[in-house]
Amino acid sequence: ISGIFIVGAKRTAFGTFGGSLKNKTATDLAEIAGRAALEHAKVKPELIDHVIFGNVIQSSKDSIYLSRHAGLRIGVPIHVPALTVNRLCGSGFQAIVNAAEQIILGESSLVLAGGSENMSQTPFAVRNIRFGTSLATPYEFEDVLWAGLTDSYANMAMGMTAEKLGAQYKITREEADAFAVRSQTLWRKGDHLTYFILFCEPSVVISVETKSLHICKNAPCTNVSGVVFLSYASDIFFN
C-alpha cells in the first residue's frame, strides 16, 4: 500500500446546548457532513466500501442505526456495511483509525468515516417501570445525559477524571492554559486564512420567522487572564 489519504473533509457548525441545532439528530448531522465530504472530494457515494461513525450518547430513537442510516440517506448502496463505534471523547478519531485499518487490511478502498453527536436530544428516563411497580412506589426521572457523563465504575464525573489525571501527571494550571491558548491562537490564524470555513457545511434550520443558515463562526479565546477561566475548572464546577 502506497499510503492512506483523507480526500475530503467537512463538518457542521458547532451548536450550543439546547440551541438552534437541538432538533437535528446525530444522524441528521452525520448526513449533512458526510454528503458534503463526498461532494468536496468529488467521490460518488456508490464507490464507498464502508461507513464508520463514532457516537457516544445515543440520544435519538434512530441513533443505534446512525452509521447505517447516514450512509443510506447519502446514497451509499444498501449492500455496503456500516459500523458505529464508541471510544467516548475519541469516538470520531476511532472511526478514522478503523477506516485506515480497513484500507490497510485490503477490506476497503474508500471509507466514509467521522463522528456525530447531539447531546441536546438526550432524554430523561424512568428506570424499573417497564414491568410495573408496586403501589405507592415513586417514579424518579433520570437525566440520562448527566448519568452518562458520570463514570459509575469510579463514581466520578468525567470532568473530574481529567482533573485527577492532571494532578497525577503534575500538569499545572498554567501549563494547561498555555496549551489551550496556543491551540486557540493556531485556530484563529487558520480561521483568518479561511481554512476552517472551507470545511464547514451549513445546516438549514427552519424557524417561525425565517429559514436560517448556521455557519461556522467562532470567537477564539486567546487570553488566560480573567476569572472567566475559572468556569473551565471541573473541580470548581463539580464541587
Protein backbone atom coordinates (compact mmCIF):
# COMPACT_ATOMS: atom_id res chain seq x y z
CA ILE A 1 0.00 0.00 0.00
CA SER A 2 1.42 3.38 -1.02
CA GLY A 3 -0.45 5.46 1.54
CA ILE A 4 -3.75 6.34 3.14
CA PHE A 5 -5.22 9.74 2.31
CA ILE A 6 -8.06 11.94 3.51
CA VAL A 7 -9.50 13.05 0.19
CA GLY A 8 -12.36 15.16 1.55
CA ALA A 9 -13.40 16.57 4.92
CA LYS A 10 -16.41 18.56 6.09
CA ARG A 11 -18.11 19.34 9.39
CA THR A 12 -21.25 21.06 10.58
CA ALA A 13 -21.28 24.15 12.75
CA PHE A 14 -20.79 23.63 16.48
CA GLY A 15 -24.04 24.18 18.33
CA THR A 16 -24.75 25.22 21.89
CA PHE A 17 -26.57 23.02 24.39
CA GLY A 18 -30.28 23.40 23.70
CA GLY A 19 -29.54 25.79 20.83
CA SER A 20 -30.68 26.08 17.23
CA LEU A 21 -29.44 22.61 16.27
CA LYS A 22 -31.24 20.82 19.11
CA ASN A 23 -33.81 19.32 16.75
CA LYS A 24 -31.19 17.87 14.41
CA THR A 25 -30.44 14.27 15.33
CA ALA A 26 -26.89 12.97 15.33
CA THR A 27 -27.88 11.04 12.21
CA ASP A 28 -29.03 14.26 10.53
CA LEU A 29 -25.71 15.94 11.33
CA ALA A 30 -23.74 12.92 10.09
CA GLU A 31 -25.70 13.00 6.84
CA ILE A 32 -25.02 16.71 6.31
CA ALA A 33 -21.28 16.41 6.92
CA GLY A 34 -20.92 13.09 5.10
CA ARG A 35 -22.73 14.23 1.98
CA ALA A 36 -20.67 17.43 1.87
CA ALA A 37 -17.41 15.50 2.35
CA LEU A 38 -18.16 13.26 -0.63
CA GLU A 39 -19.08 16.27 -2.75
CA HIS A 40 -15.91 18.04 -1.66
CA ALA A 41 -13.84 15.01 -2.65
CA LYS A 42 -15.83 14.53 -5.87
CA VAL A 43 -16.47 10.93 -4.82
CA LYS A 44 -19.72 9.21 -5.77
CA PRO A 45 -21.45 7.50 -2.82
CA GLU A 46 -21.69 4.32 -4.89
CA LEU A 47 -17.91 3.96 -4.57
CA ILE A 48 -17.89 3.81 -0.77
CA ASP A 49 -16.89 0.41 0.65
CA HIS A 50 -17.69 1.02 4.32
CA VAL A 51 -19.34 3.65 6.55
CA ILE A 52 -17.96 4.21 10.07
CA PHE A 53 -19.10 6.86 12.54
CA GLY A 54 -18.28 7.50 16.17
CA ASN A 55 -21.15 8.28 18.55
CA VAL A 56 -21.27 8.29 22.36
CA ILE A 57 -24.65 9.40 23.71
CA GLN A 58 -27.26 7.61 21.59
CA SER A 59 -29.73 10.41 22.09
CA SER A 60 -32.36 9.88 19.36
CA LYS A 61 -34.62 6.94 18.55
CA ASP A 62 -32.67 6.20 15.36
CA SER A 63 -29.23 6.59 16.91
CA ILE A 64 -28.43 2.87 17.05
CA TYR A 65 -28.67 2.92 13.25
CA LEU A 66 -26.63 6.14 12.87
CA SER A 67 -23.92 4.94 10.50
CA ARG A 68 -26.31 2.78 8.52
CA HIS A 69 -28.97 5.44 8.06
CA ALA A 70 -26.48 8.23 7.35
CA GLY A 71 -24.92 6.15 4.59
CA LEU A 72 -28.26 5.19 3.05
CA ARG A 73 -29.52 8.78 3.09
CA ILE A 74 -26.36 9.95 1.36
CA GLY A 75 -26.76 7.33 -1.36
CA VAL A 76 -24.30 4.66 -0.26
CA PRO A 77 -25.54 1.32 -1.68
CA ILE A 78 -27.61 -0.87 0.63
CA HIS A 79 -25.10 -3.75 0.50
CA VAL A 80 -22.30 -1.60 1.93
CA PRO A 81 -21.69 -2.37 5.63
CA ALA A 82 -21.81 0.28 8.35
CA LEU A 83 -20.33 0.47 11.85
CA THR A 84 -20.89 2.81 14.80
CA VAL A 85 -18.05 2.95 17.35
CA ASN A 86 -17.83 4.34 20.88
CA ARG A 87 -14.49 5.34 22.41
CA LEU A 88 -16.05 8.17 24.40
CA CYS A 89 -14.48 11.54 23.50
CA GLY A 90 -12.21 9.81 20.98
CA SER A 91 -15.03 8.13 19.05
CA GLY A 92 -14.66 10.24 15.92
CA PHE A 93 -10.90 9.65 15.90
CA GLN A 94 -11.52 5.94 16.39
CA ALA A 95 -13.75 5.91 13.32
CA ILE A 96 -10.83 7.32 11.30
CA VAL A 97 -8.49 4.70 12.79
CA ASN A 98 -10.94 1.92 11.88
CA ALA A 99 -11.22 3.30 8.36
CA ALA A 100 -7.43 3.29 7.98
CA GLU A 101 -7.27 -0.29 9.26
CA GLN A 102 -9.92 -1.32 6.73
CA ILE A 103 -7.77 0.07 3.93
CA ILE A 104 -4.51 -1.40 5.28
CA LEU A 105 -6.11 -4.84 5.52
CA GLY A 106 -7.39 -4.57 1.97
CA GLU A 107 -11.02 -4.82 3.03
CA SER A 108 -11.89 -1.36 1.70
CA SER A 109 -10.55 1.20 -0.73
CA LEU A 110 -12.83 4.13 0.15
CA VAL A 111 -14.36 4.62 3.60
CA LEU A 112 -16.75 7.32 4.78
CA ALA A 113 -15.78 7.98 8.40
CA GLY A 114 -16.48 10.63 11.03
CA GLY A 115 -18.14 11.40 14.33
CA SER A 116 -21.54 12.82 15.22
CA GLU A 117 -23.22 13.86 18.47
CA ASN A 118 -26.23 15.82 19.67
CA MET A 119 -26.33 15.82 23.45
CA SER A 120 -29.22 18.30 23.42
CA GLN A 121 -31.51 15.42 22.41
CA THR A 122 -30.56 13.18 25.32
CA PRO A 123 -33.82 12.14 27.02
CA PHE A 124 -34.86 11.71 30.62
CA ALA A 125 -35.66 8.14 31.64
CA VAL A 126 -37.71 6.34 34.27
CA ARG A 127 -35.96 3.15 35.36
CA ASN A 128 -37.60 -0.10 36.51
CA ILE A 129 -41.06 0.79 35.24
CA ARG A 130 -41.37 -1.38 32.14
CA PHE A 131 -42.72 -4.39 34.01
CA GLY A 132 -44.74 -2.47 36.56
CA THR A 133 -44.13 -1.21 40.09
CA SER A 134 -45.78 -1.77 43.44
CA LEU A 135 -48.36 0.54 44.95
CA ALA A 136 -47.07 3.95 46.08
CA THR A 137 -43.62 3.40 44.57
CA PRO A 138 -42.34 6.82 43.46
CA TYR A 139 -41.23 7.33 39.89
CA GLU A 140 -37.89 9.09 39.58
CA PHE A 141 -36.70 10.75 36.40
CA GLU A 142 -33.09 10.13 35.46
CA ASP A 143 -31.10 12.69 33.48
CA VAL A 144 -29.54 10.25 31.03
CA LEU A 145 -27.03 12.85 29.84
CA TRP A 146 -25.69 13.64 33.29
CA ALA A 147 -25.72 9.96 34.23
CA GLY A 148 -23.84 9.11 31.04
CA LEU A 149 -21.19 11.74 31.73
CA THR A 150 -20.55 10.19 35.12
CA ASP A 151 -18.33 7.10 35.27
CA SER A 152 -20.32 4.76 37.50
CA TYR A 153 -17.30 2.47 37.99
CA ALA A 154 -15.30 5.29 39.57
CA ASN A 155 -18.41 7.16 40.74
CA MET A 156 -16.94 10.31 39.29
CA ALA A 157 -17.95 12.85 36.65
CA MET A 158 -15.77 12.65 33.54
CA GLY A 159 -14.52 16.20 34.06
CA MET A 160 -13.18 15.19 37.45
CA THR A 161 -11.30 12.24 35.95
CA ALA A 162 -9.41 14.78 33.85
CA GLU A 163 -8.65 16.78 36.99
CA LYS A 164 -7.21 13.66 38.62
CA LEU A 165 -5.01 12.92 35.62
CA GLY A 166 -3.74 16.49 35.68
CA ALA A 167 -2.75 16.09 39.32
CA GLN A 168 -1.30 12.61 38.75
CA TYR A 169 0.97 13.77 35.94
CA LYS A 170 1.71 17.12 37.61
CA ILE A 171 0.22 19.24 34.83
CA THR A 172 -0.11 22.73 36.25
CA ARG A 173 -2.97 25.10 35.54
CA GLU A 174 -0.53 27.47 33.86
CA GLU A 175 0.68 24.72 31.52
CA ALA A 176 -2.88 23.73 30.66
CA ASP A 177 -3.87 27.34 29.98
CA ALA A 178 -0.76 27.90 27.84
CA PHE A 179 -1.59 24.81 25.78
CA ALA A 180 -5.20 25.95 25.37
CA VAL A 181 -4.15 29.46 24.30
CA ARG A 182 -1.67 28.02 21.79
CA SER A 183 -4.42 25.83 20.34
CA GLN A 184 -6.86 28.74 20.08
CA THR A 185 -4.21 31.03 18.59
CA LEU A 186 -3.41 28.50 15.88
CA TRP A 187 -7.14 28.09 15.23
CA ARG A 188 -7.61 31.84 14.90
CA LYS A 189 -4.71 32.07 12.46
CA GLY A 190 -6.20 29.27 10.35
CA ASP A 191 -9.65 30.81 10.58
CA HIS A 192 -8.37 34.17 9.31
CA LEU A 193 -6.88 32.29 6.36
CA THR A 194 -10.36 30.74 5.76
CA TYR A 195 -9.04 27.20 6.27
CA PHE A 196 -11.84 26.24 8.64
CA ILE A 197 -14.78 27.87 6.88
CA LEU A 198 -13.90 25.84 3.79
CA PHE A 199 -14.59 22.66 5.76
CA CYS A 200 -17.86 23.80 7.33
CA GLU A 201 -21.16 22.77 5.78
CA PRO A 202 -24.13 25.00 6.72
CA SER A 203 -27.08 23.39 8.49
CA VAL A 204 -30.53 24.61 7.48
CA VAL A 205 -32.83 25.31 10.43
CA ILE A 206 -36.48 26.20 9.91
CA SER A 207 -37.80 28.76 12.39
CA VAL A 208 -41.14 30.53 12.78
CA GLU A 209 -39.73 33.75 11.40
CA THR A 210 -37.47 32.60 8.59
CA LYS A 211 -35.18 29.96 7.22
CA SER A 212 -31.67 30.45 8.55
CA LEU A 213 -28.26 29.02 7.80
CA HIS A 214 -25.89 28.23 10.63
CA ILE A 215 -22.30 28.63 9.52
CA CYS A 216 -19.04 28.19 11.38
CA LYS A 217 -18.17 31.48 13.04
CA ASN A 218 -16.45 31.00 16.38
CA ALA A 219 -14.70 33.53 18.61
CA PRO A 220 -11.33 32.24 19.82
CA CYS A 221 -10.39 32.65 23.47
CA THR A 222 -6.72 33.64 23.44
CA ASN A 223 -6.27 35.39 26.77
CA VAL A 224 -5.62 33.50 30.01
CA SER A 225 -6.35 36.48 32.24
CA GLY A 226 -9.69 36.98 33.94
CA VAL A 227 -11.94 34.87 36.13
CA VAL A 228 -13.83 33.51 33.12
CA PHE A 229 -11.27 30.72 33.04
CA LEU A 230 -12.44 29.57 36.46
CA SER A 231 -15.58 28.21 34.84
CA TYR A 232 -13.44 25.76 32.87
CA ALA A 233 -12.11 24.09 36.03
CA SER A 234 -14.03 20.90 36.69
CA ASP A 235 -13.14 20.74 40.38
CA ILE A 236 -14.72 24.16 40.88
CA PHE A 237 -17.77 23.31 38.78
CA PHE A 238 -18.49 19.94 40.35
CA ASN A 239 -17.73 20.99 43.91
